[in-house]
Amino acid sequence: MTGLTGNFCRERLDLLAGHFEEMYRCYNRPQYVDPDPVSVVRRYGSLADREVAAVVASCLAYGRAAQIVKSVRIVLDPMGDSPAEYIVRSSPRDIRDLCEGFRHRFTDAGDLYDLLYSIRTILIDHGSIETVFSSGYSGRPGRVIEGLSRLSEALRSASGSRKNSLLPDISLGSACKRYNLFLKWMVRNDGIDPGGWTCVTPAELLIPLDTHMHRICLELGLVRRKAADMGAVIEATESFRLIAPEDPTRYDFTLTRFGIRPDLRVSDLIEQCSHVPV
């Protein structure tokens, strides 16, 4: 048995839900967005532009938050008000020129070019990124990974067999935090996540799990699995689904403010939840 079902009584579930909801009301607000790459995605009113911005921002979402935002803006700002229109109208040479000299930790200009060229191919051939995802998503519960796998294939098309630091391979069993983060941004619609997609509901989303979120989940007893892999993603999502069945990623943004923002420490989060009985 995984998740909270094997560890906690109903009272603990209810008390954790109360703590999480209070934090959500306090911190799930635009004034707490910085530094977070979703801040760049939120600026675009068009769904097509948000799709492009969200792919770029989520794929670059590794490392320090402030540096992620800086790198995302280096890519998107030259595209003007409509990244989708810019990419469709750009020639391969134009895209290569935009990528020249780019560096974000392990990511170089070649990785970025392959990503942007794949996005261009998707938009020209399919019209939208959502169309590609939905072509692999059956709509049945628990099958969002299938849609993400189809999207991953399309985004990796320009790279071929070459490893691209921006694009994890879902089949290898990693947590795929960046893909799940992208999907959360595109599906949920509240004070932070801009939403827009209709092919999947928030109830089907998976927790975007990185080492930071994994540590929080371990500290709060939401996961047992020590490795931050897809198994831990499923376990964490099952735990959060017991608290928020229709929206298991509801508290992701709020909880990850602790330890990212200098005014919100993980130790404070643990302290607020430490008096919940097992």
C-alpha atoms as a PDB file:
ATOM      1  CA  MET A   1       0.000   0.000   0.000  1.00  0.00           C
ATOM      2  CA  THR A   2       1.406   3.404  -0.937  1.00  0.00           C
ATOM      3  CA  GLY A   3       0.834   6.979   0.105  1.00  0.00           C
ATOM      4  CA  LEU A   4      -0.926   8.115   3.227  1.00  0.00           C
ATOM      5  CA  THR A   5      -3.352   5.204   3.296  1.00  0.00           C
ATOM      6  CA  GLY A   6      -0.785   2.986   4.965  1.00  0.00           C
ATOM      7  CA  ASN A   7       0.586   5.584   7.360  1.00  0.00           C
ATOM      8  CA  PHE A   8      -2.052   7.921   8.684  1.00  0.00           C
ATOM      9  CA  CYS A   9      -5.453   8.039  10.253  1.00  0.00           C
ATOM     10  CA  ARG A  10      -8.335  10.113   8.917  1.00  0.00           C
ATOM     11  CA  GLU A  11      -7.655  12.726  11.587  1.00  0.00           C
ATOM     12  CA  ARG A  12      -4.140  13.249  10.240  1.00  0.00           C
ATOM     13  CA  LEU A  13      -5.447  13.583   6.715  1.00  0.00           C
ATOM     14  CA  ASP A  14      -7.965  16.196   7.775  1.00  0.00           C
ATOM     15  CA  LEU A  15      -5.418  18.165   9.795  1.00  0.00           C
ATOM     16  CA  LEU A  16      -2.858  18.128   6.981  1.00  0.00           C
ATOM     17  CA  ALA A  17      -5.571  19.245   4.581  1.00  0.00           C
ATOM     18  CA  GLY A  18      -6.357  22.135   6.913  1.00  0.00           C
ATOM     19  CA  HIS A  19      -2.697  23.211   7.096  1.00  0.00           C
ATOM     20  CA  PHE A  20      -2.238  22.947   3.345  1.00  0.00           C
ATOM     21  CA  GLU A  21      -5.404  24.898   2.608  1.00  0.00           C
ATOM     22  CA  GLU A  22      -4.388  27.672   4.993  1.00  0.00           C
ATOM     23  CA  MET A  23      -0.978  27.894   3.298  1.00  0.00           C
ATOM     24  CA  TYR A  24      -2.693  27.886  -0.097  1.00  0.00           C
ATOM     25  CA  ARG A  25      -4.814  30.894   0.903  1.00  0.00           C
ATOM     26  CA  CYS A  26      -1.722  32.700   2.185  1.00  0.00           C
ATOM     27  CA  TYR A  27       0.839  31.973  -0.517  1.00  0.00           C
ATOM     28  CA  ASN A  28      -0.937  30.935  -3.723  1.00  0.00           C
ATOM     29  CA  ARG A  29      -0.959  34.557  -4.839  1.00  0.00           C
ATOM     30  CA  PRO A  30       0.791  36.501  -7.600  1.00  0.00           C
ATOM     31  CA  GLN A  31       2.961  38.397  -5.113  1.00  0.00           C
ATOM     32  CA  TYR A  32       4.677  35.098  -4.271  1.00  0.00           C
ATOM     33  CA  VAL A  33       5.372  34.086  -7.883  1.00  0.00           C
ATOM     34  CA  ASP A  34       8.896  35.499  -8.058  1.00  0.00           C
ATOM     35  CA  PRO A  35      11.261  33.801  -8.508  1.00  0.00           C
ATOM     36  CA  ASP A  36       9.381  31.129 -10.436  1.00  0.00           C
ATOM     37  CA  PRO A  37       9.409  30.419 -14.192  1.00  0.00           C
ATOM     38  CA  VAL A  38       5.601  30.397 -14.289  1.00  0.00           C
ATOM     39  CA  SER A  39       5.887  34.177 -13.906  1.00  0.00           C
ATOM     40  CA  VAL A  40       7.110  34.328 -17.510  1.00  0.00           C
ATOM     41  CA  VAL A  41       4.382  32.004 -18.784  1.00  0.00           C
ATOM     42  CA  ARG A  42       1.617  34.057 -17.158  1.00  0.00           C
ATOM     43  CA  ARG A  43       2.433  37.155 -19.186  1.00  0.00           C
ATOM     44  CA  TYR A  44       1.000  35.681 -22.419  1.00  0.00           C
ATOM     45  CA  GLY A  45      -2.732  35.969 -23.035  1.00  0.00           C
ATOM     46  CA  SER A  46      -2.884  33.653 -26.062  1.00  0.00           C
ATOM     47  CA  LEU A  47      -3.069  29.916 -25.371  1.00  0.00           C
ATOM     48  CA  ALA A  48      -0.706  29.198 -28.285  1.00  0.00           C
ATOM     49  CA  ASP A  49       1.874  31.574 -26.843  1.00  0.00           C
ATOM     50  CA  ARG A  50       1.484  30.137 -23.341  1.00  0.00           C
ATOM     51  CA  GLU A  51       2.075  26.649 -24.736  1.00  0.00           C
ATOM     52  CA  VAL A  52       5.382  27.685 -26.278  1.00  0.00           C
ATOM     53  CA  ALA A  53       6.433  29.706 -23.241  1.00  0.00           C
ATOM     54  CA  ALA A  54       5.488  26.866 -20.897  1.00  0.00           C
ATOM     55  CA  VAL A  55       7.501  24.287 -22.848  1.00  0.00           C
ATOM     56  CA  VAL A  56      10.573  26.509 -22.817  1.00  0.00           C
ATOM     57  CA  ALA A  57      10.175  27.509 -19.160  1.00  0.00           C
ATOM     58  CA  SER A  58       9.484  24.006 -17.883  1.00  0.00           C
ATOM     59  CA  CYS A  59      12.323  22.421 -19.873  1.00  0.00           C
ATOM     60  CA  LEU A  60      14.756  24.970 -18.420  1.00  0.00           C
ATOM     61  CA  ALA A  61      13.365  24.519 -14.894  1.00  0.00           C
ATOM     62  CA  TYR A  62      16.393  22.976 -13.259  1.00  0.00           C
ATOM     63  CA  GLY A  63      18.894  24.771 -11.056  1.00  0.00           C
ATOM     64  CA  ARG A  64      18.407  28.009  -9.101  1.00  0.00           C
ATOM     65  CA  ALA A  65      14.989  29.595  -9.599  1.00  0.00           C
ATOM     66  CA  ALA A  66      16.324  33.087 -10.319  1.00  0.00           C
ATOM     67  CA  GLN A  67      18.736  31.760 -12.947  1.00  0.00           C
ATOM     68  CA  ILE A  68      15.948  29.704 -14.536  1.00  0.00           C
ATOM     69  CA  VAL A  69      13.816  32.831 -14.978  1.00  0.00           C
ATOM     70  CA  LYS A  70      16.787  34.716 -16.418  1.00  0.00           C
ATOM     71  CA  SER A  71      17.497  31.953 -18.944  1.00  0.00           C
ATOM     72  CA  VAL A  72      13.834  31.653 -19.943  1.00  0.00           C
ATOM     73  CA  ARG A  73      13.655  35.392 -20.629  1.00  0.00           C
ATOM     74  CA  ILE A  74      16.849  35.232 -22.702  1.00  0.00           C
ATOM     75  CA  VAL A  75      15.032  32.750 -24.964  1.00  0.00           C
ATOM     76  CA  LEU A  76      11.543  34.241 -25.044  1.00  0.00           C
ATOM     77  CA  ASP A  77      12.078  38.014 -24.948  1.00  0.00           C
ATOM     78  CA  PRO A  78      13.575  38.192 -28.483  1.00  0.00           C
ATOM     79  CA  MET A  79      10.428  36.461 -29.764  1.00  0.00           C
ATOM     80  CA  GLY A  80       8.303  39.495 -28.933  1.00  0.00           C
ATOM     81  CA  ASP A  81       4.650  39.360 -27.925  1.00  0.00           C
ATOM     82  CA  SER A  82       3.893  36.083 -29.721  1.00  0.00           C
ATOM     83  CA  PRO A  83       6.431  33.260 -29.328  1.00  0.00           C
ATOM     84  CA  ALA A  84       4.178  30.888 -31.300  1.00  0.00           C
ATOM     85  CA  GLU A  85       3.975  33.219 -34.283  1.00  0.00           C
ATOM     86  CA  TYR A  86       7.687  33.945 -34.097  1.00  0.00           C
ATOM     87  CA  ILE A  87       8.645  30.263 -34.169  1.00  0.00           C
ATOM     88  CA  VAL A  88       6.279  29.366 -37.027  1.00  0.00           C
ATOM     89  CA  ARG A  89       7.497  32.261 -39.158  1.00  0.00           C
ATOM     90  CA  SER A  90      11.192  31.735 -38.387  1.00  0.00           C
ATOM     91  CA  SER A  91      13.501  29.795 -40.653  1.00  0.00           C
ATOM     92  CA  PRO A  92      15.836  27.185 -39.198  1.00  0.00           C
ATOM     93  CA  ARG A  93      18.614  29.759 -39.622  1.00  0.00           C
ATOM     94  CA  ASP A  94      16.646  32.352 -37.641  1.00  0.00           C
ATOM     95  CA  ILE A  95      16.177  29.872 -34.800  1.00  0.00           C
ATOM     96  CA  ARG A  96      19.849  28.927 -34.869  1.00  0.00           C
ATOM     97  CA  ASP A  97      20.828  32.596 -34.651  1.00  0.00           C
ATOM     98  CA  LEU A  98      18.529  33.078 -31.644  1.00  0.00           C
ATOM     99  CA  CYS A  99      20.179  30.125 -29.886  1.00  0.00           C
ATOM    100  CA  GLU A 100      23.755  31.135 -30.631  1.00  0.00           C
ATOM    101  CA  GLY A 101      25.856  31.368 -27.471  1.00  0.00           C
ATOM    102  CA  PHE A 102      23.058  30.189 -25.177  1.00  0.00           C
ATOM    103  CA  ARG A 103      24.030  28.356 -21.997  1.00  0.00           C
ATOM    104  CA  HIS A 104      22.007  27.230 -18.988  1.00  0.00           C
ATOM    105  CA  ARG A 105      23.965  24.862 -16.758  1.00  0.00           C
ATOM    106  CA  PHE A 106      24.212  21.640 -18.842  1.00  0.00           C
ATOM    107  CA  THR A 107      22.125  23.037 -21.685  1.00  0.00           C
ATOM    108  CA  ASP A 108      23.860  24.513 -24.694  1.00  0.00           C
ATOM    109  CA  ALA A 109      22.763  26.170 -27.935  1.00  0.00           C
ATOM    110  CA  GLY A 110      22.394  22.806 -29.692  1.00  0.00           C
ATOM    111  CA  ASP A 111      19.959  21.469 -27.112  1.00  0.00           C
ATOM    112  CA  LEU A 112      17.905  24.662 -27.265  1.00  0.00           C
ATOM    113  CA  TYR A 113      17.876  24.696 -31.078  1.00  0.00           C
ATOM    114  CA  ASP A 114      16.587  21.125 -31.223  1.00  0.00           C
ATOM    115  CA  LEU A 115      13.810  21.973 -28.756  1.00  0.00           C
ATOM    116  CA  LEU A 116      12.695  25.118 -30.601  1.00  0.00           C
ATOM    117  CA  TYR A 117      12.890  23.422 -33.987  1.00  0.00           C
ATOM    118  CA  SER A 118      10.765  20.531 -32.677  1.00  0.00           C
ATOM    119  CA  ILE A 119       8.207  23.043 -31.354  1.00  0.00           C
ATOM    120  CA  ARG A 120       8.173  24.658 -34.818  1.00  0.00           C
ATOM    121  CA  THR A 121       7.504  21.263 -36.412  1.00  0.00           C
ATOM    122  CA  ILE A 122       4.683  20.552 -33.960  1.00  0.00           C
ATOM    123  CA  LEU A 123       2.977  23.891 -34.581  1.00  0.00           C
ATOM    124  CA  ILE A 124       3.250  23.625 -38.362  1.00  0.00           C
ATOM    125  CA  ASP A 125       2.175  19.967 -38.568  1.00  0.00           C
ATOM    126  CA  HIS A 126      -0.414  19.802 -35.781  1.00  0.00           C
ATOM    127  CA  GLY A 127      -1.465  23.376 -35.010  1.00  0.00           C
ATOM    128  CA  SER A 128      -0.940  23.155 -31.262  1.00  0.00           C
ATOM    129  CA  ILE A 129       1.035  21.351 -28.584  1.00  0.00           C
ATOM    130  CA  GLU A 130      -2.205  20.248 -26.934  1.00  0.00           C
ATOM    131  CA  THR A 131      -3.148  18.327 -30.087  1.00  0.00           C
ATOM    132  CA  VAL A 132       0.036  16.266 -29.852  1.00  0.00           C
ATOM    133  CA  PHE A 133      -0.473  15.518 -26.165  1.00  0.00           C
ATOM    134  CA  SER A 134      -4.119  14.555 -26.637  1.00  0.00           C
ATOM    135  CA  SER A 135      -3.211  12.215 -29.527  1.00  0.00           C
ATOM    136  CA  GLY A 136      -1.431  10.027 -26.989  1.00  0.00           C
ATOM    137  CA  TYR A 137      -3.817  10.536 -24.078  1.00  0.00           C
ATOM    138  CA  SER A 138      -6.714   8.105 -23.990  1.00  0.00           C
ATOM    139  CA  GLY A 139      -8.718  10.130 -21.479  1.00  0.00           C
ATOM    140  CA  ARG A 140      -8.827   7.230 -19.050  1.00  0.00           C
ATOM    141  CA  PRO A 141      -7.773   7.770 -15.406  1.00  0.00           C
ATOM    142  CA  GLY A 142      -4.061   7.389 -14.767  1.00  0.00           C
ATOM    143  CA  ARG A 143      -3.046   7.667 -18.424  1.00  0.00           C
ATOM    144  CA  VAL A 144      -1.530  11.167 -18.581  1.00  0.00           C
ATOM    145  CA  ILE A 145       1.902   9.538 -18.855  1.00  0.00           C
ATOM    146  CA  GLU A 146       0.834   8.214 -22.254  1.00  0.00           C
ATOM    147  CA  GLY A 147       0.054  11.730 -23.428  1.00  0.00           C
ATOM    148  CA  LEU A 148       3.334  13.031 -22.026  1.00  0.00           C
ATOM    149  CA  SER A 149       5.197  10.198 -23.740  1.00  0.00           C
ATOM    150  CA  ARG A 150       3.691  11.185 -27.086  1.00  0.00           C
ATOM    151  CA  LEU A 151       4.566  14.820 -26.455  1.00  0.00           C
ATOM    152  CA  SER A 152       8.091  13.845 -25.399  1.00  0.00           C
ATOM    153  CA  GLU A 153       8.578  11.956 -28.655  1.00  0.00           C
ATOM    154  CA  ALA A 154       7.536  15.012 -30.637  1.00  0.00           C
ATOM    155  CA  LEU A 155       9.735  17.399 -28.644  1.00  0.00           C
ATOM    156  CA  ARG A 156      12.701  15.053 -29.015  1.00  0.00           C
ATOM    157  CA  SER A 157      12.239  14.620 -32.773  1.00  0.00           C
ATOM    158  CA  ALA A 158      14.915  17.117 -33.805  1.00  0.00           C
ATOM    159  CA  SER A 159      17.440  15.575 -31.397  1.00  0.00           C
ATOM    160  CA  GLY A 160      16.966  12.050 -32.713  1.00  0.00           C
ATOM    161  CA  SER A 161      19.008   9.596 -30.664  1.00  0.00           C
ATOM    162  CA  ARG A 162      21.226  12.359 -29.294  1.00  0.00           C
ATOM    163  CA  LYS A 163      20.724  13.051 -25.587  1.00  0.00           C
ATOM    164  CA  ASN A 164      19.187  16.461 -24.975  1.00  0.00           C
ATOM    165  CA  SER A 165      19.575  17.946 -21.480  1.00  0.00           C
ATOM    166  CA  LEU A 166      16.198  19.667 -21.800  1.00  0.00           C
ATOM    167  CA  LEU A 167      14.172  16.554 -22.547  1.00  0.00           C
ATOM    168  CA  PRO A 168      14.121  13.579 -20.147  1.00  0.00           C
ATOM    169  CA  ASP A 169      13.150  10.161 -21.464  1.00  0.00           C
ATOM    170  CA  ILE A 170       9.948   9.075 -19.707  1.00  0.00           C
ATOM    171  CA  SER A 171      10.600   5.421 -20.465  1.00  0.00           C
ATOM    172  CA  LEU A 172      13.652   5.434 -18.172  1.00  0.00           C
ATOM    173  CA  GLY A 173      11.496   5.886 -15.065  1.00  0.00           C
ATOM    174  CA  SER A 174      12.715   9.295 -13.902  1.00  0.00           C
ATOM    175  CA  ALA A 175      10.349  11.648 -12.086  1.00  0.00           C
ATOM    176  CA  CYS A 176      10.012  13.815 -15.251  1.00  0.00           C
ATOM    177  CA  LYS A 177       9.347  16.821 -13.045  1.00  0.00           C
ATOM    178  CA  ARG A 178       9.620  19.259 -15.941  1.00  0.00           C
ATOM    179  CA  TYR A 179       6.987  17.504 -18.076  1.00  0.00           C
ATOM    180  CA  ASN A 180       4.581  17.305 -15.131  1.00  0.00           C
ATOM    181  CA  LEU A 181       5.255  20.949 -14.291  1.00  0.00           C
ATOM    182  CA  PHE A 182       4.426  21.931 -17.871  1.00  0.00           C
ATOM    183  CA  LEU A 183       1.192  19.941 -17.764  1.00  0.00           C
ATOM    184  CA  LYS A 184       0.169  21.495 -14.444  1.00  0.00           C
ATOM    185  CA  TRP A 185       0.654  24.997 -15.839  1.00  0.00           C
ATOM    186  CA  MET A 186      -1.420  24.192 -18.904  1.00  0.00           C
ATOM    187  CA  VAL A 187      -4.313  22.436 -17.132  1.00  0.00           C
ATOM    188  CA  ARG A 188      -4.833  24.159 -13.777  1.00  0.00           C
ATOM    189  CA  ASN A 189      -6.285  27.650 -13.691  1.00  0.00           C
ATOM    190  CA  ASP A 190      -6.094  29.605 -10.454  1.00  0.00           C
ATOM    191  CA  GLY A 191      -4.203  32.595  -9.089  1.00  0.00           C
ATOM    192  CA  ILE A 192      -0.895  31.111 -10.234  1.00  0.00           C
ATOM    193  CA  ASP A 193      -1.345  28.448 -12.928  1.00  0.00           C
ATOM    194  CA  PRO A 194      -2.725  30.069 -16.113  1.00  0.00           C
ATOM    195  CA  GLY A 195      -4.362  26.953 -17.617  1.00  0.00           C
ATOM    196  CA  GLY A 196      -6.064  26.785 -21.003  1.00  0.00           C
ATOM    197  CA  TRP A 197      -6.030  23.100 -21.930  1.00  0.00           C
ATOM    198  CA  THR A 198      -9.309  21.204 -21.883  1.00  0.00           C
ATOM    199  CA  CYS A 199      -8.216  17.694 -22.909  1.00  0.00           C
ATOM    200  CA  VAL A 200      -7.353  16.627 -19.358  1.00  0.00           C
ATOM    201  CA  THR A 201      -8.687  17.580 -15.914  1.00  0.00           C
ATOM    202  CA  PRO A 202      -6.674  18.652 -12.838  1.00  0.00           C
ATOM    203  CA  ALA A 203      -7.686  15.381 -11.162  1.00  0.00           C
ATOM    204  CA  GLU A 204      -5.369  13.483 -13.550  1.00  0.00           C
ATOM    205  CA  LEU A 205      -2.239  15.555 -12.934  1.00  0.00           C
ATOM    206  CA  LEU A 206       0.907  14.155 -11.328  1.00  0.00           C
ATOM    207  CA  ILE A 207       3.086  15.922  -8.765  1.00  0.00           C
ATOM    208  CA  PRO A 208       6.093  17.699 -10.364  1.00  0.00           C
ATOM    209  CA  LEU A 209       8.646  16.013  -8.127  1.00  0.00           C
ATOM    210  CA  ASP A 210      12.240  17.197  -7.861  1.00  0.00           C
ATOM    211  CA  THR A 211      14.686  16.722  -4.995  1.00  0.00           C
ATOM    212  CA  HIS A 212      13.251  19.759  -3.187  1.00  0.00           C
ATOM    213  CA  MET A 213       9.633  18.579  -3.346  1.00  0.00           C
ATOM    214  CA  HIS A 214      10.731  15.019  -2.585  1.00  0.00           C
ATOM    215  CA  ARG A 215      12.428  16.198   0.602  1.00  0.00           C
ATOM    216  CA  ILE A 216       9.269  18.011   1.675  1.00  0.00           C
ATOM    217  CA  CYS A 217       7.145  14.939   0.963  1.00  0.00           C
ATOM    218  CA  LEU A 218       9.517  12.722   2.935  1.00  0.00           C
ATOM    219  CA  GLU A 219       9.556  15.127   5.877  1.00  0.00           C
ATOM    220  CA  LEU A 220       5.759  15.271   5.938  1.00  0.00           C
ATOM    221  CA  GLY A 221       5.372  11.520   5.511  1.00  0.00           C
ATOM    222  CA  LEU A 222       3.696  11.810   2.124  1.00  0.00           C
ATOM    223  CA  VAL A 223       6.117   9.356   0.526  1.00  0.00           C
ATOM    224  CA  ARG A 224       8.180   6.426   1.765  1.00  0.00           C
ATOM    225  CA  ARG A 225      10.254   5.897  -1.357  1.00  0.00           C
ATOM    226  CA  LYS A 226      13.772   7.274  -0.902  1.00  0.00           C
ATOM    227  CA  ALA A 227      14.502   7.790  -4.589  1.00  0.00           C
ATOM    228  CA  ALA A 228      12.942  10.777  -6.330  1.00  0.00           C
ATOM    229  CA  ASP A 229      11.760   8.715  -9.312  1.00  0.00           C
ATOM    230  CA  MET A 230       8.449   7.995 -11.031  1.00  0.00           C
ATOM    231  CA  GLY A 231       7.544   5.576  -8.242  1.00  0.00           C
ATOM    232  CA  ALA A 232       7.817   8.420  -5.748  1.00  0.00           C
ATOM    233  CA  VAL A 233       5.766  10.659  -8.070  1.00  0.00           C
ATOM    234  CA  ILE A 234       2.920   8.130  -8.079  1.00  0.00           C
ATOM    235  CA  GLU A 235       3.161   7.671  -4.313  1.00  0.00           C
ATOM    236  CA  ALA A 236       3.143  11.415  -3.613  1.00  0.00           C
ATOM    237  CA  THR A 237       0.262  11.981  -6.023  1.00  0.00           C
ATOM    238  CA  GLU A 238      -1.795   9.244  -4.360  1.00  0.00           C
ATOM    239  CA  SER A 239      -1.193  10.895  -0.991  1.00  0.00           C
ATOM    240  CA  PHE A 240      -2.230  14.332  -2.213  1.00  0.00           C
ATOM    241  CA  ARG A 241      -5.222  12.816  -4.019  1.00  0.00           C
ATOM    242  CA  LEU A 242      -6.536  11.580  -0.663  1.00  0.00           C
ATOM    243  CA  ILE A 243      -6.473  15.206   0.517  1.00  0.00           C
ATOM    244  CA  ALA A 244      -7.631  16.882  -2.717  1.00  0.00           C
ATOM    245  CA  PRO A 245      -9.189  14.206  -4.977  1.00  0.00           C
ATOM    246  CA  GLU A 246     -10.140  16.577  -7.789  1.00  0.00           C
ATOM    247  CA  ASP A 247      -6.895  18.549  -7.716  1.00  0.00           C
ATOM    248  CA  PRO A 248      -3.907  16.618  -6.299  1.00  0.00           C
ATOM    249  CA  THR A 249      -1.358  19.212  -7.463  1.00  0.00           C
ATOM    250  CA  ARG A 250      -3.299  22.044  -5.796  1.00  0.00           C
ATOM    251  CA  TYR A 251      -0.656  22.590  -3.103  1.00  0.00           C
ATOM    252  CA  ASP A 252       2.464  22.107  -5.237  1.00  0.00           C
ATOM    253  CA  PHE A 253       3.209  25.803  -5.783  1.00  0.00           C
ATOM    254  CA  THR A 254       2.519  26.701  -2.154  1.00  0.00           C
ATOM    255  CA  LEU A 255       4.675  23.969  -0.631  1.00  0.00           C
ATOM    256  CA  THR A 256       7.594  24.638  -2.961  1.00  0.00           C
ATOM    257  CA  ARG A 257       7.729  28.299  -1.896  1.00  0.00           C
ATOM    258  CA  PHE A 258       9.333  26.996   1.285  1.00  0.00           C
ATOM    259  CA  GLY A 259      13.034  26.726   0.621  1.00  0.00           C
ATOM    260  CA  ILE A 260      12.872  28.690  -2.649  1.00  0.00           C
ATOM    261  CA  ARG A 261      11.915  32.080  -1.250  1.00  0.00           C
ATOM    262  CA  PRO A 262      14.362  33.427   1.361  1.00  0.00           C
ATOM    263  CA  ASP A 263      11.479  34.421   3.649  1.00  0.00           C
ATOM    264  CA  LEU A 264       9.945  30.911   3.705  1.00  0.00           C
ATOM    265  CA  ARG A 265      12.080  28.101   5.141  1.00  0.00           C
ATOM    266  CA  VAL A 266      11.396  24.363   4.881  1.00  0.00           C
ATOM    267  CA  SER A 267      11.909  24.122   8.639  1.00  0.00           C
ATOM    268  CA  ASP A 268       9.003  26.541   9.120  1.00  0.00           C
ATOM    269  CA  LEU A 269       6.799  24.356   6.939  1.00  0.00           C
ATOM    270  CA  ILE A 270       7.720  21.225   8.868  1.00  0.00           C
ATOM    271  CA  GLU A 271       7.109  23.014  12.166  1.00  0.00           C
ATOM    272  CA  GLN A 272       3.614  24.075  11.083  1.00  0.00           C
ATOM    273  CA  CYS A 273       2.738  20.473  10.237  1.00  0.00           C
ATOM    274  CA  SER A 274       4.700  18.740  13.040  1.00  0.00           C
ATOM    275  CA  HIS A 275       1.853  18.618  15.539  1.00  0.00           C
ATOM    276  CA  VAL A 276      -0.403  16.534  13.324  1.00  0.00           C
ATOM    277  CA  PRO A 277      -0.974  13.130  14.979  1.00  0.00           C
ATOM    278  CA  VAL A 278      -0.106   9.886  13.183  1.00  0.00           C
END
